Amino acid sequence: MPGIDECLLEAMRLPGARGAALVDWTSGLALGAVGEFPGGDHEAAAAEAAEVARLTAEQRAFTPDGHGGPSGHEPHEGAAGAVPAAPADPPVEDLIISNRDSYHVLRFVPTSFDSSVFLHVWLARSDGNLALARIRLGEMAERLVLG
């Protein structure tokens, strides 16, 4: 089971990968980063990507029916009243942002705590494979160990 560094290095082996980061979308901080980033600043890129991820994850229009909100918890009635359920999958699977020369793929990572992290991969459009990136990032997100 790979950790952050191994996961990011694996992401950089994707065709067209220019940069990869694991970002906490609550704080906007990069927990790890490799490669290049738009504007040359991985912290600024992480904060901007986190803003987009947070806005998307908090909108009910983009979440599965019955999802309880950005924390991944749906309250249920217990003996002492409403209590949070066990952690669930992130509210959104992934986001794809495309522009003239690149793709940004943000893959939300299921965690044992609150699912507030995502993998951000920046792909060159000329040699990136968007379908392959989505598949591989999904596999990486499932295997990633956050301690």
Protein backbone atom coordinates (compact mmCIF):
# COMPACT_ATOMS: atom_id res chain seq x y z
CA MET A 1 0.00 0.00 0.00
CA PRO A 2 1.69 3.19 -1.17
CA GLY A 3 2.10 6.36 0.82
CA ILE A 4 1.95 9.91 -0.49
CA ASP A 5 5.38 10.02 -2.13
CA GLU A 6 4.97 6.67 -3.90
CA CYS A 7 1.51 7.64 -5.10
CA LEU A 8 2.70 10.96 -6.53
CA LEU A 9 5.63 9.31 -8.30
CA GLU A 10 3.22 6.78 -9.79
CA ALA A 11 1.00 9.63 -10.99
CA MET A 12 4.00 11.21 -12.71
CA ARG A 13 4.39 8.04 -14.81
CA LEU A 14 1.03 8.77 -16.50
CA PRO A 15 1.41 9.82 -20.15
CA GLY A 16 1.67 13.60 -20.35
CA ALA A 17 2.00 14.16 -16.58
CA ARG A 18 3.53 17.54 -15.80
CA GLY A 19 2.82 17.72 -12.08
CA ALA A 20 1.00 15.89 -9.29
CA ALA A 21 -0.05 16.83 -5.78
CA LEU A 22 -2.08 15.50 -2.88
CA VAL A 23 -4.15 18.39 -1.54
CA ASP A 24 -6.34 18.88 1.50
CA TRP A 25 -9.37 20.68 0.08
CA THR A 26 -10.41 22.00 3.49
CA SER A 27 -7.21 23.96 4.12
CA GLY A 28 -5.86 24.27 0.56
CA LEU A 29 -2.48 22.88 1.60
CA ALA A 30 -0.46 20.49 -0.54
CA LEU A 31 0.42 17.40 1.53
CA GLY A 32 2.93 16.46 -1.15
CA ALA A 33 3.86 17.65 -4.65
CA VAL A 34 6.13 16.66 -7.54
CA GLY A 35 6.83 18.06 -10.99
CA GLU A 36 5.76 21.40 -12.47
CA PHE A 37 2.69 23.47 -11.67
CA PRO A 38 0.89 26.28 -13.48
CA GLY A 39 2.53 29.55 -12.54
CA GLY A 40 5.51 27.66 -11.10
CA ASP A 41 4.13 27.63 -7.54
CA HIS A 42 2.74 24.32 -6.26
CA GLU A 43 1.29 25.90 -3.09
CA ALA A 44 -0.69 28.50 -5.06
CA ALA A 45 -1.87 25.81 -7.50
CA ALA A 46 -2.94 23.60 -4.56
CA ALA A 47 -4.89 26.44 -2.94
CA GLU A 48 -6.65 27.30 -6.20
CA ALA A 49 -7.48 23.65 -6.97
CA ALA A 50 -8.76 23.22 -3.40
CA GLU A 51 -11.14 26.14 -3.87
CA VAL A 52 -12.63 24.51 -7.00
CA ALA A 53 -12.80 21.10 -5.27
CA ARG A 54 -14.45 22.57 -2.16
CA LEU A 55 -17.03 24.51 -4.17
CA THR A 56 -17.93 21.41 -6.16
CA ALA A 57 -18.03 19.00 -3.22
CA GLU A 58 -20.28 21.29 -1.20
CA GLN A 59 -22.94 21.61 -3.90
CA ARG A 60 -25.74 19.06 -3.67
CA ALA A 61 -26.25 19.26 -7.45
CA PHE A 62 -22.92 17.45 -7.93
CA THR A 63 -23.29 14.78 -5.23
CA PRO A 64 -25.13 11.45 -5.32
CA ASP A 65 -28.77 11.44 -4.22
CA GLY A 66 -29.10 11.36 -0.44
CA HIS A 67 -25.52 12.45 0.25
CA GLY A 68 -25.22 14.37 3.49
CA GLY A 69 -22.76 17.05 2.43
CA PRO A 70 -19.02 17.64 2.15
CA SER A 71 -17.89 15.65 5.17
CA GLY A 72 -19.16 12.38 3.75
CA HIS A 73 -21.42 11.78 6.74
CA GLU A 74 -25.17 11.31 6.71
CA PRO A 75 -26.70 11.71 10.16
CA HIS A 76 -28.83 8.85 11.43
CA GLU A 77 -31.00 8.43 14.47
CA GLY A 78 -29.33 6.64 17.37
CA ALA A 79 -30.28 6.03 21.00
CA ALA A 80 -29.04 9.51 21.98
CA GLY A 81 -30.43 11.32 18.93
CA ALA A 82 -28.75 12.18 15.65
CA VAL A 83 -25.18 10.93 15.42
CA PRO A 84 -22.80 10.90 12.47
CA ALA A 85 -22.52 7.65 10.53
CA ALA A 86 -19.24 5.96 9.70
CA PRO A 87 -17.06 7.77 7.13
CA ALA A 88 -18.22 7.35 3.56
CA ASP A 89 -16.75 7.90 0.14
CA PRO A 90 -16.09 11.49 -0.94
CA PRO A 91 -19.14 13.33 -2.28
CA VAL A 92 -17.60 13.68 -5.77
CA GLU A 93 -15.49 11.10 -7.60
CA ASP A 94 -13.38 13.43 -9.73
CA LEU A 95 -13.27 16.75 -11.57
CA ILE A 96 -11.78 17.36 -14.97
CA ILE A 97 -10.82 20.85 -16.06
CA SER A 98 -9.56 21.30 -19.59
CA ASN A 99 -8.01 24.24 -21.38
CA ARG A 100 -6.24 24.69 -24.71
CA ASP A 101 -3.06 22.88 -23.77
CA SER A 102 -3.71 20.79 -20.65
CA TYR A 103 -6.05 18.84 -18.43
CA HIS A 104 -6.33 19.06 -14.65
CA VAL A 105 -7.75 15.93 -13.03
CA LEU A 106 -8.79 16.17 -9.39
CA ARG A 107 -9.54 12.75 -7.90
CA PHE A 108 -11.12 12.73 -4.45
CA VAL A 109 -9.57 10.16 -2.09
CA PRO A 110 -11.66 8.06 0.29
CA THR A 111 -10.14 8.17 3.80
CA SER A 112 -10.89 6.73 7.20
CA PHE A 113 -11.38 10.24 8.60
CA ASP A 114 -13.31 12.86 6.58
CA SER A 115 -12.41 12.37 2.89
CA SER A 116 -11.13 15.90 2.47
CA VAL A 117 -8.14 15.17 0.23
CA PHE A 118 -7.74 14.81 -3.50
CA LEU A 119 -5.06 13.92 -6.02
CA HIS A 120 -4.39 16.70 -8.54
CA VAL A 121 -2.63 15.73 -11.75
CA TRP A 122 -1.72 18.24 -14.45
CA LEU A 123 -1.51 16.60 -17.89
CA ALA A 124 -0.21 18.04 -21.15
CA ARG A 125 -3.08 17.79 -23.62
CA SER A 126 -0.79 16.86 -26.53
CA ASP A 127 0.33 13.54 -25.03
CA GLY A 128 -1.93 13.03 -22.01
CA ASN A 129 -4.53 10.28 -21.95
CA LEU A 130 -7.52 11.50 -19.97
CA ALA A 131 -9.31 8.14 -19.79
CA LEU A 132 -6.19 6.33 -18.60
CA ALA A 133 -5.49 9.07 -16.05
CA ARG A 134 -9.00 8.72 -14.56
CA ILE A 135 -8.65 4.94 -14.29
CA ARG A 136 -5.18 5.02 -12.76
CA LEU A 137 -5.96 7.85 -10.35
CA GLY A 138 -9.01 5.91 -9.15
CA GLU A 139 -6.79 2.89 -8.49
CA MET A 140 -4.18 5.04 -6.73
CA ALA A 141 -6.81 6.74 -4.56
CA GLU A 142 -8.12 3.35 -3.39
CA ARG A 143 -4.62 2.12 -2.45
CA LEU A 144 -3.27 5.34 -0.93
CA VAL A 145 -2.43 5.07 2.76
CA LEU A 146 -2.65 8.25 4.77
CA GLY A 147 -1.27 8.00 8.26
